[in-house]
């Protein structure tokens, strides 16, 4: 039986990644980068659909790829209502929510519509999304905060967390549904999830900067001090959010979001850079420890992934604090395109049933 041929699409704020897979093996990939001024010409994100569609068609033509040779198209999942993890068919209801930006505006909202348009052009092929950032499998207790009006939300790097969790499970000789894992995705934002038998029952909201501070996120802050700062800073709502998300963490302390630059400063004897580096690793380890408590100490592995996992010293600093819990497995970077293709492949091969967004 021939391997399924899958086209994967991942829209970013000023780029679109397109890749062709035969089974789980990449055939080719292409990253289209757009000038920020060109993107600003559009009044909103949904208005970019036809522009990006034409760019994808150009990529397909340049790679001599015919739509007739595809078996499915998969796009990055956008901001939807909270849903359990998995691969979902792109439905009319999903398209309406993404195009109206009902649950928020983000470039990833284009993934489902672009996948559906190309799938329809190819003769009505299946169109999917996989594990969007709004995956919500939280335990009931995890939703409550100390203020009834503020509920904890599940927004995290679900696509990469779920993908590496499955790979880690395979490395342990088990299925994802048979293990308990703590997965720390460490990039511009950091999310740490407690994966209990295939469900992420607790995770920090990485979008809003909850949890460890990160290269661009302030992380959880002392509530009283945060309130005082909000009233005394002179910043309005938008300015405060930008300071917490985008201007916090490494950016706030050291003026850079690049961990490699921080390591260079440390090598030159910069003591402040060393302290901030160690503090960020400390906070990740602390978050991992809290997830171990959620799992009652029954942890099969701690999994470190994302761009920061390329730093051997950062991984070492975390590992020496958490290795007593379980073996530490490291999957540097994030292969979102492969994760998308694997999600579609699981459905096409009958391993997983596609979810219906209705």
Protein backbone atom coordinates (compact mmCIF):
# COMPACT_ATOMS: atom_id res chain seq x y z
CA UNK A 1 0.00 0.00 0.00
CA UNK A 2 1.44 3.35 -1.01
CA UNK A 3 2.07 6.01 1.60
CA UNK A 4 -0.43 8.86 1.69
CA UNK A 5 0.71 12.15 0.15
CA UNK A 6 -0.11 15.10 2.41
CA UNK A 7 0.31 18.84 1.89
CA UNK A 8 0.94 20.73 5.15
CA UNK A 9 0.39 24.50 5.52
CA UNK A 10 1.53 26.63 8.45
CA UNK A 11 0.74 30.38 8.22
CA UNK A 12 2.76 32.77 10.37
CA UNK A 13 2.47 36.52 10.81
CA UNK A 14 4.83 37.32 7.90
CA UNK A 15 5.40 33.88 6.37
CA UNK A 16 3.72 30.72 5.18
CA UNK A 17 5.45 27.35 5.45
CA UNK A 18 4.38 24.71 2.95
CA UNK A 19 5.65 21.13 2.89
CA UNK A 20 4.83 17.92 1.04
CA UNK A 21 4.98 14.60 2.87
CA UNK A 22 4.83 11.03 1.67
CA UNK A 23 3.77 9.27 4.80
CA UNK A 24 5.80 10.91 7.57
CA UNK A 25 8.78 11.62 5.30
CA UNK A 26 9.25 15.11 3.92
CA UNK A 27 9.46 15.31 0.11
CA UNK A 28 10.03 19.08 -0.06
CA UNK A 29 9.40 22.22 1.94
CA UNK A 30 9.16 25.90 1.15
CA UNK A 31 9.00 28.97 3.38
CA UNK A 32 7.41 32.03 1.82
CA UNK A 33 8.43 35.24 3.58
CA UNK A 34 6.48 38.45 3.13
CA UNK A 35 7.52 42.03 3.70
CA UNK A 36 5.72 43.47 6.74
CA UNK A 37 4.55 46.43 4.65
CA UNK A 38 2.86 44.03 2.22
CA UNK A 39 0.97 42.35 5.06
CA UNK A 40 -0.09 45.73 6.47
CA UNK A 41 -1.92 46.43 3.20
CA UNK A 42 -4.64 44.01 4.29
CA UNK A 43 -7.31 45.30 6.69
CA UNK A 44 -7.32 42.08 8.72
CA UNK A 45 -6.01 38.52 8.70
CA UNK A 46 -8.94 36.89 6.83
CA UNK A 47 -8.39 39.37 3.99
CA UNK A 48 -5.01 37.71 3.35
CA UNK A 49 -6.56 34.41 2.20
CA UNK A 50 -6.44 34.90 -1.56
CA UNK A 51 -2.96 36.45 -1.45
CA UNK A 52 -1.57 33.51 0.51
CA UNK A 53 -3.48 31.00 -1.62
CA UNK A 54 -1.83 32.37 -4.77
CA UNK A 55 1.59 32.19 -3.10
CA UNK A 56 0.99 28.54 -2.19
CA UNK A 57 -0.05 27.79 -5.77
CA UNK A 58 3.22 29.34 -6.96
CA UNK A 59 5.15 27.09 -4.55
CA UNK A 60 3.35 24.00 -5.81
CA UNK A 61 4.08 24.96 -9.40
CA UNK A 62 7.73 25.64 -8.57
CA UNK A 63 8.02 22.19 -7.00
CA UNK A 64 6.21 20.51 -9.93
CA UNK A 65 3.52 19.22 -7.58
CA UNK A 66 0.07 18.48 -8.98
CA UNK A 67 -2.99 18.66 -6.74
CA UNK A 68 -4.19 15.42 -8.28
CA UNK A 69 -1.35 13.60 -6.53
CA UNK A 70 -2.48 14.58 -3.04
CA UNK A 71 -4.46 12.48 -0.57
CA UNK A 72 -5.14 15.18 2.02
CA UNK A 73 -4.34 18.76 3.01
CA UNK A 74 -3.64 19.81 6.60
CA UNK A 75 -3.34 23.32 8.05
CA UNK A 76 -2.19 24.81 11.31
CA UNK A 77 -5.09 25.12 13.73
CA UNK A 78 -6.10 28.63 14.75
CA UNK A 79 -7.96 30.30 17.60
CA UNK A 80 -11.15 28.31 18.02
CA UNK A 81 -13.36 27.47 20.97
CA UNK A 82 -11.65 25.09 23.44
CA UNK A 83 -11.54 21.54 22.07
CA UNK A 84 -9.82 18.27 23.05
CA UNK A 85 -6.60 17.37 21.29
CA UNK A 86 -6.60 15.51 18.00
CA UNK A 87 -7.00 15.87 14.25
CA UNK A 88 -10.17 17.66 13.12
CA UNK A 89 -11.90 17.90 9.77
CA UNK A 90 -12.26 21.47 8.54
CA UNK A 91 -16.00 22.06 8.77
CA UNK A 92 -18.18 24.99 7.78
CA UNK A 93 -18.61 25.90 11.45
CA UNK A 94 -14.83 25.93 11.90
CA UNK A 95 -14.36 28.13 8.83
CA UNK A 96 -16.93 30.61 10.13
CA UNK A 97 -15.23 30.86 13.54
CA UNK A 98 -11.77 31.26 12.01
CA UNK A 99 -12.79 33.81 9.39
CA UNK A 100 -14.80 35.89 11.84
CA UNK A 101 -11.96 35.71 14.40
CA UNK A 102 -14.68 34.91 16.92
CA UNK A 103 -12.16 33.61 19.47
CA UNK A 104 -9.24 35.86 18.57
CA UNK A 105 -7.20 37.08 15.63
CA UNK A 106 -3.99 35.29 14.68
CA UNK A 107 -2.29 34.30 11.42
CA UNK A 108 -2.83 30.64 12.29
CA UNK A 109 -6.56 31.27 11.67
CA UNK A 110 -5.67 31.05 7.97
CA UNK A 111 -4.52 27.43 8.23
CA UNK A 112 -7.94 25.81 8.11
CA UNK A 113 -9.38 27.98 5.31
CA UNK A 114 -6.26 27.58 3.12
CA UNK A 115 -6.25 23.81 3.63
CA UNK A 116 -9.94 23.61 2.75
CA UNK A 117 -9.63 25.75 -0.39
CA UNK A 118 -6.74 23.69 -1.75
CA UNK A 119 -8.44 20.41 -0.81
CA UNK A 120 -11.57 21.51 -2.67
CA UNK A 121 -9.49 22.51 -5.72
CA UNK A 122 -7.98 19.03 -5.67
CA UNK A 123 -11.40 17.45 -6.05
CA UNK A 124 -12.80 17.44 -2.55
CA UNK A 125 -9.95 15.87 -0.60
CA UNK A 126 -10.07 15.69 3.21
CA UNK A 127 -8.89 18.91 4.89
CA UNK A 128 -7.71 18.83 8.50
CA UNK A 129 -6.21 20.83 11.33
CA UNK A 130 -4.21 19.24 14.17
CA UNK A 131 -3.89 20.13 17.87
CA UNK A 132 -4.48 23.91 17.78
CA UNK A 133 -3.24 26.12 20.61
CA UNK A 134 -6.72 26.05 22.18
CA UNK A 135 -6.58 22.33 22.97
CA UNK A 136 -8.33 22.03 26.33
CA UNK A 137 -8.19 18.83 28.35
CA UNK A 138 -7.78 20.46 31.78
CA UNK A 139 -8.89 18.68 34.91
CA UNK A 140 -11.84 20.41 36.55
CA UNK A 141 -9.71 21.49 39.50
CA UNK A 142 -7.14 23.10 37.20
CA UNK A 143 -9.60 25.66 35.84
CA UNK A 144 -10.23 27.54 39.07
CA UNK A 145 -8.20 30.51 40.25
CA UNK A 146 -8.62 32.35 43.54
CA UNK A 147 -10.96 34.84 41.88
CA UNK A 148 -14.19 33.38 40.42
CA UNK A 149 -14.24 35.96 37.63
CA UNK A 150 -10.81 34.79 36.40
CA UNK A 151 -10.72 31.24 35.09
CA UNK A 152 -7.48 29.54 34.07
CA UNK A 153 -7.40 28.86 30.32
CA UNK A 154 -5.63 26.18 28.35
CA UNK A 155 -3.60 27.92 25.63
CA UNK A 156 -0.26 26.31 24.91
CA UNK A 157 2.08 24.80 22.32
CA UNK A 158 -0.27 21.86 21.86
CA UNK A 159 0.92 20.82 18.38
CA UNK A 160 4.55 20.35 19.38
CA UNK A 161 3.81 19.11 22.91
CA UNK A 162 1.48 16.38 21.65
CA UNK A 163 3.84 15.39 18.81
CA UNK A 164 6.94 15.00 21.01
CA UNK A 165 4.86 13.28 23.70
CA UNK A 166 3.95 10.62 21.15
CA UNK A 167 7.60 10.27 20.10
CA UNK A 168 8.74 10.04 23.70
CA UNK A 169 6.09 7.40 24.39
CA UNK A 170 7.31 5.36 21.41
CA UNK A 171 10.85 5.68 22.78
CA UNK A 172 9.58 4.17 26.03
CA UNK A 173 8.02 1.31 24.07
CA UNK A 174 4.48 2.38 24.95
CA UNK A 175 1.58 4.30 23.44
CA UNK A 176 0.83 7.91 24.36
CA UNK A 177 -2.33 6.73 26.13
CA UNK A 178 -0.31 4.41 28.41
CA UNK A 179 2.11 6.92 29.93
CA UNK A 180 2.36 9.97 32.17
CA UNK A 181 4.70 12.65 30.89
CA UNK A 182 5.72 16.18 31.78
CA UNK A 183 6.47 18.09 28.59
CA UNK A 184 8.18 21.47 28.66
CA UNK A 185 8.05 23.39 25.37
CA UNK A 186 10.70 26.09 25.64
CA UNK A 187 10.69 28.80 22.99
CA UNK A 188 9.78 32.50 22.92
CA UNK A 189 7.12 31.40 25.39
CA UNK A 190 7.36 28.39 27.70
CA UNK A 191 4.54 25.93 28.41
CA UNK A 192 4.81 22.95 30.74
CA UNK A 193 2.09 20.31 30.49
CA UNK A 194 1.11 17.34 32.61
CA UNK A 195 0.21 14.62 30.10
CA UNK A 196 -1.84 11.94 31.83
CA UNK A 197 -2.62 8.92 29.67
CA UNK A 198 -2.98 10.97 26.50
CA UNK A 199 -4.60 14.08 27.98
CA UNK A 200 -2.99 17.36 29.08
CA UNK A 201 -4.73 17.75 32.43
CA UNK A 202 -2.80 20.85 33.51
CA UNK A 203 -0.66 23.40 31.65
CA UNK A 204 0.25 27.05 32.06
CA UNK A 205 -1.25 29.62 29.68
CA UNK A 206 1.85 30.39 27.60
CA UNK A 207 0.09 33.01 25.46
CA UNK A 208 -0.57 35.33 28.39
CA UNK A 209 2.79 34.61 29.99
CA UNK A 210 1.67 32.45 32.93
CA UNK A 211 4.30 30.09 34.35
CA UNK A 212 8.09 30.48 34.00
CA UNK A 213 9.45 33.70 32.55
CA UNK A 214 10.70 33.12 29.03
CA UNK A 215 12.70 34.95 26.34
CA UNK A 216 9.72 37.24 25.64
CA UNK A 217 7.24 36.52 28.47
CA UNK A 218 7.15 37.92 31.99
CA UNK A 219 5.71 34.71 33.42
CA UNK A 220 3.68 34.54 36.62
CA UNK A 221 4.19 37.62 38.78
CA UNK A 222 3.40 38.46 42.43
CA UNK A 223 -0.24 39.52 42.21
CA UNK A 224 -0.07 42.45 44.62
CA UNK A 225 3.06 43.90 43.04
CA UNK A 226 1.57 43.47 39.59
CA UNK A 227 -1.55 45.42 40.58
CA UNK A 228 0.56 48.22 42.07
CA UNK A 229 2.73 48.32 38.96
CA UNK A 230 -0.32 48.47 36.68
CA UNK A 231 -1.67 51.53 38.49
CA UNK A 232 1.67 53.33 38.91
CA UNK A 233 3.33 52.66 35.55
CA UNK A 234 1.21 55.08 33.55
CA UNK A 235 0.71 52.35 30.91
CA UNK A 236 -2.68 51.63 29.38
CA UNK A 237 -4.01 48.12 28.84
CA UNK A 238 -2.28 47.54 25.49
CA UNK A 239 1.03 48.80 26.82
CA UNK A 240 0.82 46.59 29.89
CA UNK A 241 0.08 43.51 27.79
CA UNK A 242 3.02 44.26 25.50
CA UNK A 243 5.29 44.54 28.53
CA UNK A 244 4.10 41.19 29.88
CA UNK A 245 3.97 39.41 26.51
CA UNK A 246 6.76 40.34 24.14
CA UNK A 247 8.68 42.67 26.42
CA UNK A 248 9.16 40.48 29.49
CA UNK A 249 11.65 37.80 30.47
CA UNK A 250 15.05 37.93 28.80
CA UNK A 251 14.00 41.00 26.83
CA UNK A 252 13.20 42.92 30.01
CA UNK A 253 16.32 41.85 31.91
CA UNK A 254 18.93 41.74 29.15
CA UNK A 255 17.45 43.44 26.08
CA UNK A 256 17.56 40.31 23.90
CA UNK A 257 15.31 37.31 23.28
CA UNK A 258 18.21 35.21 21.93
CA UNK A 259 19.54 32.64 24.41
CA UNK A 260 22.65 32.21 22.27
CA UNK A 261 23.48 35.87 22.80
CA UNK A 262 22.97 35.42 26.55
CA UNK A 263 25.38 32.47 26.56
CA UNK A 264 27.98 34.58 24.75
CA UNK A 265 27.65 37.26 27.42
CA UNK A 266 28.06 34.64 30.13
CA UNK A 267 31.23 33.38 28.44
CA UNK A 268 32.56 36.96 28.58
CA UNK A 269 31.94 37.08 32.32
CA UNK A 270 28.57 38.90 32.44
CA UNK A 271 27.27 38.00 35.90
CA UNK A 272 23.78 39.44 35.36
CA UNK A 273 23.35 37.37 32.18
CA UNK A 274 24.42 34.29 34.15
CA UNK A 275 21.91 34.99 36.92
CA UNK A 276 19.00 35.53 34.52
CA UNK A 277 19.94 32.38 32.57
CA UNK A 278 20.01 30.31 35.75
CA UNK A 279 16.79 31.88 37.05
CA UNK A 280 14.88 30.98 33.88
CA UNK A 281 16.08 27.36 34.11
CA UNK A 282 15.15 27.38 37.81
CA UNK A 283 11.61 28.53 37.03
CA UNK A 284 11.16 25.87 34.34
CA UNK A 285 12.32 23.20 36.80
CA UNK A 286 9.94 24.56 39.43
CA UNK A 287 7.03 24.37 36.97
CA UNK A 288 7.99 20.80 36.08
CA UNK A 289 8.00 19.96 39.78
CA UNK A 290 4.46 21.28 40.17
CA UNK A 291 3.32 19.07 37.31
CA UNK A 292 4.86 16.04 39.03
CA UNK A 293 2.61 16.78 42.03
CA UNK A 294 -0.40 16.92 39.69
CA UNK A 295 0.53 13.42 38.48
CA UNK A 296 1.02 12.21 42.08
CA UNK A 297 4.67 11.51 41.33
CA UNK A 298 3.77 8.87 38.72
CA UNK A 299 5.93 10.21 35.88
CA UNK A 300 7.35 8.04 33.10
CA UNK A 301 9.55 10.79 31.60
CA UNK A 302 10.26 14.50 31.62
CA UNK A 303 10.44 15.79 28.03
CA UNK A 304 12.27 18.99 27.08
CA UNK A 305 11.60 20.45 23.63
CA UNK A 306 11.52 23.74 21.70
CA UNK A 307 14.29 26.04 20.53
CA UNK A 308 15.84 26.56 23.99
CA UNK A 309 16.45 22.80 24.21
CA UNK A 310 19.34 23.28 21.76
CA UNK A 311 21.24 24.86 24.65
CA UNK A 312 23.15 22.08 26.37
CA UNK A 313 23.75 24.18 29.48
CA UNK A 314 20.09 25.21 29.78
CA UNK A 315 19.02 21.57 29.49
CA UNK A 316 21.66 20.56 32.02
CA UNK A 317 20.56 23.21 34.53
CA UNK A 318 16.97 21.97 34.33
CA UNK A 319 17.82 18.28 34.24
CA UNK A 320 19.93 18.33 37.39
CA UNK A 321 16.90 19.58 39.32
CA UNK A 322 14.26 17.24 37.85
CA UNK A 323 16.07 14.01 36.93
CA UNK A 324 15.13 12.48 40.29
CA UNK A 325 11.51 12.37 39.10
CA UNK A 326 11.98 10.38 35.91
CA UNK A 327 14.30 10.00 32.90
CA UNK A 328 14.79 13.27 30.99
CA UNK A 329 14.27 13.04 27.23
CA UNK A 330 15.32 15.91 24.96
CA UNK A 331 13.78 16.76 21.57
CA UNK A 332 15.36 20.08 20.51
CA UNK A 333 13.41 22.43 18.25
CA UNK A 334 9.89 21.94 16.99
CA UNK A 335 8.93 20.24 13.76
CA UNK A 336 5.42 21.59 13.35
CA UNK A 337 5.15 20.63 9.69
CA UNK A 338 5.87 16.97 10.43
CA UNK A 339 3.49 17.10 13.38
CA UNK A 340 0.73 18.34 11.06
CA UNK A 341 1.42 15.60 8.53
CA UNK A 342 1.54 12.93 11.24
CA UNK A 343 -1.84 14.09 12.56
CA UNK A 344 -3.44 13.76 9.14
CA UNK A 345 -1.70 10.42 8.59
CA UNK A 346 -3.12 8.96 11.80
CA UNK A 347 -6.63 9.63 10.49
CA UNK A 348 -5.92 8.40 6.96
CA UNK A 349 -4.40 5.18 8.36
CA UNK A 350 -7.34 4.59 10.70
CA UNK A 351 -5.25 4.97 13.86
CA UNK A 352 -7.33 7.94 15.00
CA UNK A 353 -10.83 9.09 14.16
CA UNK A 354 -11.11 12.66 12.94
CA UNK A 355 -12.84 15.00 15.32
CA UNK A 356 -15.85 16.99 14.18
CA UNK A 357 -16.00 20.72 15.03
CA UNK A 358 -19.69 21.52 15.28
